[in-house]
Amino acid sequence: MRIIALLLLVMILALQYRLWMADGGMREVWRLRKDVATQAEENTKLKERNRNLAAEVLDLKKGKAAVEERARADLGMVGENETFFQVAPMEAQHAQSSSGNSSSSASTPGMITAPSRHAPVQVNAQQ
């Protein structure tokens, strides 16, 4: 009878080891659940990104304002009746004048030159 009890105890311990430690056991199940949760979070972020991109594509297809906004931001578009002013920071003025590459409009701080049509204008503001 002792041998049978000892044999059953060894079998139970062997099965418990396989349940908790071996491949396909509870440790792997917990790891897989964690991986699934991580992937679900990433999928949620990607769905939101896709939704934003789809809305942007729809705006670009249907609306002229979105195309104009993109052209202004990315390509530097200036409209027909608009004047472009470029404000140079003080650090850029000092670096430009010290390197000897100063132009007549950048040599005097606070000077604004008259713009020609669609030409960039440099405005030197004093702080």
N, C-alpha and C. Protein backbone atom coordinates (compact mmCIF):
# COMPACT_ATOMS: atom_id res chain seq x y z
N MET A 1 0.81 -1.18 0.00
CA MET A 1 0.00 0.00 0.00
C MET A 1 0.87 1.27 0.00
N ARG A 2 1.99 1.22 0.70
CA ARG A 2 2.89 2.37 0.74
C ARG A 2 3.47 2.65 -0.65
N ILE A 3 3.74 1.61 -1.37
CA ILE A 3 4.33 1.76 -2.70
C ILE A 3 3.33 2.44 -3.63
N ILE A 4 2.07 2.07 -3.54
CA ILE A 4 1.04 2.67 -4.39
C ILE A 4 0.88 4.15 -4.02
N ALA A 5 0.85 4.48 -2.73
CA ALA A 5 0.73 5.87 -2.29
C ALA A 5 1.93 6.69 -2.75
N LEU A 6 3.11 6.10 -2.63
CA LEU A 6 4.31 6.79 -3.06
C LEU A 6 4.30 7.00 -4.58
N LEU A 7 3.85 6.00 -5.32
CA LEU A 7 3.75 6.09 -6.77
C LEU A 7 2.74 7.16 -7.17
N LEU A 8 1.60 7.24 -6.51
CA LEU A 8 0.60 8.27 -6.79
C LEU A 8 1.13 9.67 -6.48
N LEU A 9 1.86 9.80 -5.39
CA LEU A 9 2.45 11.09 -5.02
C LEU A 9 3.46 11.55 -6.08
N VAL A 10 4.28 10.64 -6.57
CA VAL A 10 5.26 10.98 -7.60
C VAL A 10 4.54 11.39 -8.90
N MET A 11 3.47 10.71 -9.25
CA MET A 11 2.70 11.04 -10.45
C MET A 11 2.05 12.42 -10.32
N ILE A 12 1.52 12.70 -9.15
CA ILE A 12 0.89 14.01 -8.93
C ILE A 12 1.93 15.13 -9.02
N LEU A 13 3.09 14.91 -8.43
CA LEU A 13 4.16 15.91 -8.51
C LEU A 13 4.63 16.10 -9.95
N ALA A 14 4.72 15.03 -10.70
CA ALA A 14 5.14 15.13 -12.10
C ALA A 14 4.11 15.89 -12.93
N LEU A 15 2.83 15.64 -12.69
CA LEU A 15 1.78 16.35 -13.40
C LEU A 15 1.75 17.84 -13.00
N GLN A 16 1.96 18.12 -11.73
CA GLN A 16 2.00 19.51 -11.27
C GLN A 16 3.17 20.26 -11.91
N TYR A 17 4.31 19.58 -12.01
CA TYR A 17 5.46 20.21 -12.66
C TYR A 17 5.12 20.56 -14.10
N ARG A 18 4.52 19.62 -14.82
CA ARG A 18 4.15 19.87 -16.22
C ARG A 18 3.13 20.99 -16.31
N LEU A 19 2.20 21.04 -15.36
CA LEU A 19 1.16 22.08 -15.38
C LEU A 19 1.77 23.47 -15.20
N TRP A 20 2.71 23.63 -14.28
CA TRP A 20 3.23 24.95 -13.94
C TRP A 20 4.51 25.34 -14.67
N MET A 21 5.37 24.40 -14.98
CA MET A 21 6.70 24.76 -15.48
C MET A 21 6.97 24.39 -16.94
N ALA A 22 6.39 23.36 -17.47
CA ALA A 22 6.73 22.87 -18.80
C ALA A 22 6.11 23.74 -19.89
N ASP A 23 6.57 23.52 -21.15
CA ASP A 23 5.99 24.22 -22.29
C ASP A 23 4.50 23.89 -22.38
N GLY A 24 3.71 24.91 -22.66
CA GLY A 24 2.27 24.72 -22.72
C GLY A 24 1.62 24.77 -21.35
N GLY A 25 2.38 25.06 -20.32
CA GLY A 25 1.85 25.13 -18.97
C GLY A 25 1.31 26.52 -18.65
N MET A 26 1.02 26.72 -17.39
CA MET A 26 0.42 27.97 -16.94
C MET A 26 1.35 29.16 -17.15
N ARG A 27 2.64 28.98 -17.01
CA ARG A 27 3.59 30.07 -17.22
C ARG A 27 3.49 30.61 -18.65
N GLU A 28 3.40 29.70 -19.60
CA GLU A 28 3.27 30.12 -21.00
C GLU A 28 1.91 30.77 -21.25
N VAL A 29 0.86 30.27 -20.62
CA VAL A 29 -0.46 30.87 -20.76
C VAL A 29 -0.44 32.31 -20.26
N TRP A 30 0.19 32.57 -19.12
CA TRP A 30 0.27 33.93 -18.59
C TRP A 30 1.06 34.84 -19.52
N ARG A 31 2.16 34.32 -20.06
CA ARG A 31 2.96 35.11 -20.99
C ARG A 31 2.16 35.45 -22.25
N LEU A 32 1.43 34.48 -22.76
CA LEU A 32 0.63 34.71 -23.96
C LEU A 32 -0.49 35.72 -23.70
N ARG A 33 -1.11 35.66 -22.53
CA ARG A 33 -2.14 36.64 -22.19
C ARG A 33 -1.57 38.05 -22.14
N LYS A 34 -0.37 38.16 -21.59
CA LYS A 34 0.30 39.46 -21.53
C LYS A 34 0.60 39.96 -22.95
N ASP A 35 1.08 39.08 -23.83
CA ASP A 35 1.37 39.45 -25.21
C ASP A 35 0.10 39.89 -25.95
N VAL A 36 -1.00 39.19 -25.69
CA VAL A 36 -2.27 39.55 -26.33
C VAL A 36 -2.72 40.94 -25.87
N ALA A 37 -2.58 41.23 -24.59
CA ALA A 37 -2.97 42.54 -24.07
C ALA A 37 -2.10 43.65 -24.69
N THR A 38 -0.82 43.40 -24.80
CA THR A 38 0.08 44.38 -25.41
C THR A 38 -0.29 44.61 -26.87
N GLN A 39 -0.57 43.54 -27.59
CA GLN A 39 -0.95 43.67 -29.00
C GLN A 39 -2.28 44.39 -29.15
N ALA A 40 -3.21 44.16 -28.24
CA ALA A 40 -4.50 44.85 -28.29
C ALA A 40 -4.33 46.35 -28.11
N GLU A 41 -3.43 46.77 -27.21
CA GLU A 41 -3.16 48.20 -27.02
C GLU A 41 -2.57 48.80 -28.30
N GLU A 42 -1.63 48.10 -28.89
CA GLU A 42 -1.01 48.60 -30.12
C GLU A 42 -2.04 48.68 -31.24
N ASN A 43 -2.92 47.69 -31.34
CA ASN A 43 -3.97 47.71 -32.35
C ASN A 43 -4.90 48.91 -32.17
N THR A 44 -5.21 49.24 -30.91
CA THR A 44 -6.07 50.39 -30.63
C THR A 44 -5.40 51.68 -31.11
N LYS A 45 -4.11 51.83 -30.83
CA LYS A 45 -3.38 53.02 -31.29
C LYS A 45 -3.36 53.10 -32.81
N LEU A 46 -3.13 51.95 -33.46
CA LEU A 46 -3.07 51.94 -34.91
C LEU A 46 -4.42 52.21 -35.54
N LYS A 47 -5.50 51.74 -34.92
CA LYS A 47 -6.85 52.03 -35.43
C LYS A 47 -7.13 53.52 -35.36
N GLU A 48 -6.73 54.17 -34.27
CA GLU A 48 -6.91 55.61 -34.13
C GLU A 48 -6.10 56.36 -35.20
N ARG A 49 -4.87 55.91 -35.42
CA ARG A 49 -4.03 56.53 -36.46
C ARG A 49 -4.66 56.35 -37.84
N ASN A 50 -5.17 55.16 -38.12
CA ASN A 50 -5.82 54.91 -39.41
C ASN A 50 -7.07 55.77 -39.58
N ARG A 51 -7.83 55.94 -38.50
CA ARG A 51 -9.02 56.78 -38.55
C ARG A 51 -8.64 58.23 -38.88
N ASN A 52 -7.57 58.73 -38.25
CA ASN A 52 -7.11 60.09 -38.53
C ASN A 52 -6.63 60.24 -39.97
N LEU A 53 -5.89 59.23 -40.44
CA LEU A 53 -5.41 59.29 -41.83
C LEU A 53 -6.57 59.21 -42.82
N ALA A 54 -7.57 58.41 -42.54
CA ALA A 54 -8.73 58.31 -43.42
C ALA A 54 -9.48 59.64 -43.47
N ALA A 55 -9.60 60.31 -42.32
CA ALA A 55 -10.26 61.62 -42.30
C ALA A 55 -9.46 62.64 -43.09
N GLU A 56 -8.14 62.59 -42.98
CA GLU A 56 -7.29 63.51 -43.73
C GLU A 56 -7.39 63.26 -45.23
N VAL A 57 -7.43 62.00 -45.64
CA VAL A 57 -7.58 61.67 -47.05
C VAL A 57 -8.92 62.18 -47.58
N LEU A 58 -9.98 62.01 -46.79
CA LEU A 58 -11.30 62.49 -47.20
C LEU A 58 -11.29 64.01 -47.34
N ASP A 59 -10.66 64.71 -46.40
CA ASP A 59 -10.55 66.17 -46.49
C ASP A 59 -9.79 66.58 -47.74
N LEU A 60 -8.70 65.88 -48.04
CA LEU A 60 -7.90 66.22 -49.21
C LEU A 60 -8.66 65.94 -50.51
N LYS A 61 -9.49 64.92 -50.52
CA LYS A 61 -10.25 64.60 -51.72
C LYS A 61 -11.40 65.58 -51.94
N LYS A 62 -12.07 65.98 -50.87
CA LYS A 62 -13.28 66.78 -51.01
C LYS A 62 -13.06 68.27 -50.85
N GLY A 63 -12.18 68.66 -49.95
CA GLY A 63 -12.07 70.08 -49.64
C GLY A 63 -10.85 70.74 -50.22
N LYS A 64 -11.04 71.96 -50.71
CA LYS A 64 -9.92 72.73 -51.24
C LYS A 64 -9.09 73.32 -50.11
N ALA A 65 -9.71 73.57 -48.97
CA ALA A 65 -9.01 74.19 -47.84
C ALA A 65 -7.91 73.28 -47.30
N ALA A 66 -8.14 71.98 -47.26
CA ALA A 66 -7.13 71.06 -46.75
C ALA A 66 -5.93 71.00 -47.69
N VAL A 67 -6.18 71.03 -48.99
CA VAL A 67 -5.09 71.01 -49.96
C VAL A 67 -4.29 72.30 -49.85
N GLU A 68 -4.99 73.42 -49.70
CA GLU A 68 -4.30 74.71 -49.56
C GLU A 68 -3.48 74.76 -48.28
N GLU A 69 -4.03 74.25 -47.20
CA GLU A 69 -3.30 74.23 -45.93
C GLU A 69 -2.03 73.38 -46.05
N ARG A 70 -2.13 72.23 -46.69
CA ARG A 70 -0.97 71.36 -46.88
C ARG A 70 0.07 72.04 -47.76
N ALA A 71 -0.37 72.74 -48.82
CA ALA A 71 0.55 73.44 -49.71
C ALA A 71 1.26 74.58 -48.98
N ARG A 72 0.55 75.27 -48.10
CA ARG A 72 1.16 76.37 -47.34
C ARG A 72 2.21 75.82 -46.37
N ALA A 73 1.88 74.76 -45.67
CA ALA A 73 2.77 74.22 -44.65
C ALA A 73 3.98 73.51 -45.26
N ASP A 74 3.75 72.69 -46.26
CA ASP A 74 4.83 71.85 -46.79
C ASP A 74 5.60 72.51 -47.94
N LEU A 75 4.91 73.28 -48.77
CA LEU A 75 5.54 73.81 -49.97
C LEU A 75 5.79 75.31 -49.93
N GLY A 76 5.31 75.98 -48.88
CA GLY A 76 5.52 77.43 -48.77
C GLY A 76 4.66 78.23 -49.72
N MET A 77 3.44 77.79 -50.00
CA MET A 77 2.55 78.49 -50.92
C MET A 77 2.18 79.86 -50.39
N VAL A 78 2.16 80.85 -51.27
CA VAL A 78 1.70 82.19 -50.96
C VAL A 78 0.60 82.51 -51.95
N GLY A 79 -0.54 82.97 -51.45
CA GLY A 79 -1.68 83.26 -52.31
C GLY A 79 -1.44 84.47 -53.20
N GLU A 80 -2.37 84.69 -54.13
CA GLU A 80 -2.20 85.73 -55.13
C GLU A 80 -2.19 87.13 -54.53
N ASN A 81 -3.06 87.42 -53.59
CA ASN A 81 -3.13 88.75 -52.99
C ASN A 81 -2.51 88.77 -51.60
N GLU A 82 -1.54 87.95 -51.36
CA GLU A 82 -0.92 87.86 -50.04
C GLU A 82 0.54 88.30 -50.12
N THR A 83 1.04 88.78 -49.00
CA THR A 83 2.44 89.18 -48.90
C THR A 83 3.10 88.30 -47.85
N PHE A 84 4.25 87.78 -48.17
CA PHE A 84 4.97 86.88 -47.27
C PHE A 84 6.01 87.68 -46.50
N PHE A 85 5.98 87.58 -45.17
CA PHE A 85 6.97 88.22 -44.31
C PHE A 85 7.72 87.14 -43.57
N GLN A 86 9.02 87.24 -43.53
CA GLN A 86 9.84 86.28 -42.80
C GLN A 86 10.55 87.04 -41.68
N VAL A 87 10.35 86.60 -40.46
CA VAL A 87 10.94 87.25 -39.30
C VAL A 87 12.17 86.45 -38.89
N ALA A 88 13.31 87.13 -38.88
CA ALA A 88 14.56 86.47 -38.51
C ALA A 88 14.84 86.73 -37.04
N PRO A 89 15.20 85.71 -36.26
CA PRO A 89 15.52 85.93 -34.85
C PRO A 89 16.83 86.69 -34.70
N MET A 90 17.02 87.31 -33.56
CA MET A 90 18.21 88.13 -33.31
C MET A 90 19.49 87.32 -33.44
N GLU A 91 19.50 86.05 -33.01
CA GLU A 91 20.70 85.23 -33.09
C GLU A 91 21.13 85.06 -34.54
N ALA A 92 20.18 84.91 -35.43
CA ALA A 92 20.50 84.73 -36.85
C ALA A 92 21.10 86.01 -37.42
N GLN A 93 20.61 87.16 -36.96
CA GLN A 93 21.15 88.43 -37.44
C GLN A 93 22.61 88.58 -37.05
N HIS A 94 22.93 88.28 -35.78
CA HIS A 94 24.31 88.41 -35.31
C HIS A 94 25.24 87.45 -36.04
N ALA A 95 24.79 86.24 -36.25
CA ALA A 95 25.62 85.26 -36.94
C ALA A 95 25.82 85.68 -38.39
N GLN A 96 24.78 86.23 -38.98
CA GLN A 96 24.85 86.64 -40.37
C GLN A 96 25.79 87.84 -40.52
N SER A 97 25.71 88.82 -39.61
CA SER A 97 26.55 90.00 -39.72
C SER A 97 28.00 89.70 -39.36
N SER A 98 28.22 88.76 -38.44
CA SER A 98 29.59 88.44 -38.06
C SER A 98 30.31 87.61 -39.11
N SER A 99 29.57 86.87 -39.93
CA SER A 99 30.20 86.06 -40.95
C SER A 99 30.48 86.84 -42.22
N GLY A 100 30.00 88.07 -42.28
CA GLY A 100 30.27 88.89 -43.45
C GLY A 100 29.28 88.69 -44.56
N ASN A 101 28.21 87.92 -44.32
CA ASN A 101 27.22 87.67 -45.35
C ASN A 101 25.98 88.53 -45.15
N SER A 102 26.11 89.66 -44.50
CA SER A 102 24.93 90.47 -44.22
C SER A 102 24.51 91.23 -45.46
N SER A 103 23.21 91.29 -45.66
CA SER A 103 22.69 92.07 -46.76
C SER A 103 22.26 93.42 -46.22
N SER A 104 21.85 94.30 -47.07
CA SER A 104 21.47 95.64 -46.63
C SER A 104 20.22 95.60 -45.76
N SER A 105 19.31 94.63 -46.00
CA SER A 105 18.09 94.57 -45.19
C SER A 105 18.36 93.95 -43.84
N ALA A 106 19.41 93.14 -43.69
CA ALA A 106 19.67 92.49 -42.41
C ALA A 106 20.68 93.26 -41.58
N SER A 107 21.29 94.32 -42.13
CA SER A 107 22.34 95.00 -41.40
C SER A 107 21.80 95.92 -40.32
N THR A 108 20.59 96.44 -40.48
CA THR A 108 20.02 97.34 -39.50
C THR A 108 18.88 96.64 -38.78
N PRO A 109 19.02 96.36 -37.48
CA PRO A 109 17.93 95.70 -36.76
C PRO A 109 16.68 96.56 -36.74
N GLY A 110 15.54 95.93 -36.91
CA GLY A 110 14.27 96.63 -36.90
C GLY A 110 13.87 97.16 -38.25
N MET A 111 14.67 96.93 -39.27
CA MET A 111 14.38 97.44 -40.60
C MET A 111 13.50 96.46 -41.35
N ILE A 112 12.46 96.97 -41.98
CA ILE A 112 11.57 96.16 -42.80
C ILE A 112 11.67 96.67 -44.22
N THR A 113 11.95 95.80 -45.14
CA THR A 113 12.05 96.22 -46.53
C THR A 113 10.71 96.05 -47.21
N ALA A 114 10.47 96.82 -48.22
CA ALA A 114 9.21 96.76 -48.95
C ALA A 114 9.18 95.48 -49.76
N PRO A 115 8.09 94.74 -49.68
CA PRO A 115 8.03 93.47 -50.39
C PRO A 115 7.70 93.65 -51.86
N SER A 116 8.31 92.84 -52.66
CA SER A 116 7.85 92.73 -54.04
C SER A 116 6.85 91.60 -54.07
N ARG A 117 6.11 91.47 -55.12
CA ARG A 117 5.04 90.48 -55.17
C ARG A 117 5.63 89.07 -55.06
N HIS A 118 5.20 88.31 -54.07
CA HIS A 118 5.58 86.92 -53.81
C HIS A 118 7.05 86.75 -53.43
N ALA A 119 7.72 87.81 -53.11
CA ALA A 119 9.13 87.67 -52.70
C ALA A 119 9.21 87.64 -51.19
N PRO A 120 10.04 86.80 -50.62
CA PRO A 120 10.18 86.77 -49.17
C PRO A 120 10.80 88.08 -48.66
N VAL A 121 10.32 88.52 -47.52
CA VAL A 121 10.82 89.74 -46.91
C VAL A 121 11.43 89.39 -45.58
N GLN A 122 12.54 89.97 -45.27
CA GLN A 122 13.19 89.72 -43.99
C GLN A 122 12.86 90.85 -43.05
N VAL A 123 12.30 90.51 -41.89
CA VAL A 123 11.97 91.50 -40.89
C VAL A 123 12.90 91.27 -39.71
N ASN A 124 13.62 92.30 -39.32
CA ASN A 124 14.54 92.19 -38.21
C ASN A 124 13.91 92.91 -37.02
N ALA A 125 13.46 92.13 -36.05
CA ALA A 125 12.78 92.70 -34.90
C ALA A 125 13.74 92.77 -33.72
N GLN A 126 13.69 93.89 -33.00
CA GLN A 126 14.51 94.00 -31.79
C GLN A 126 13.73 93.44 -30.62
N GLN A 127 14.44 92.79 -29.70
CA GLN A 127 13.74 92.19 -28.55
C GLN A 127 13.86 93.06 -27.34
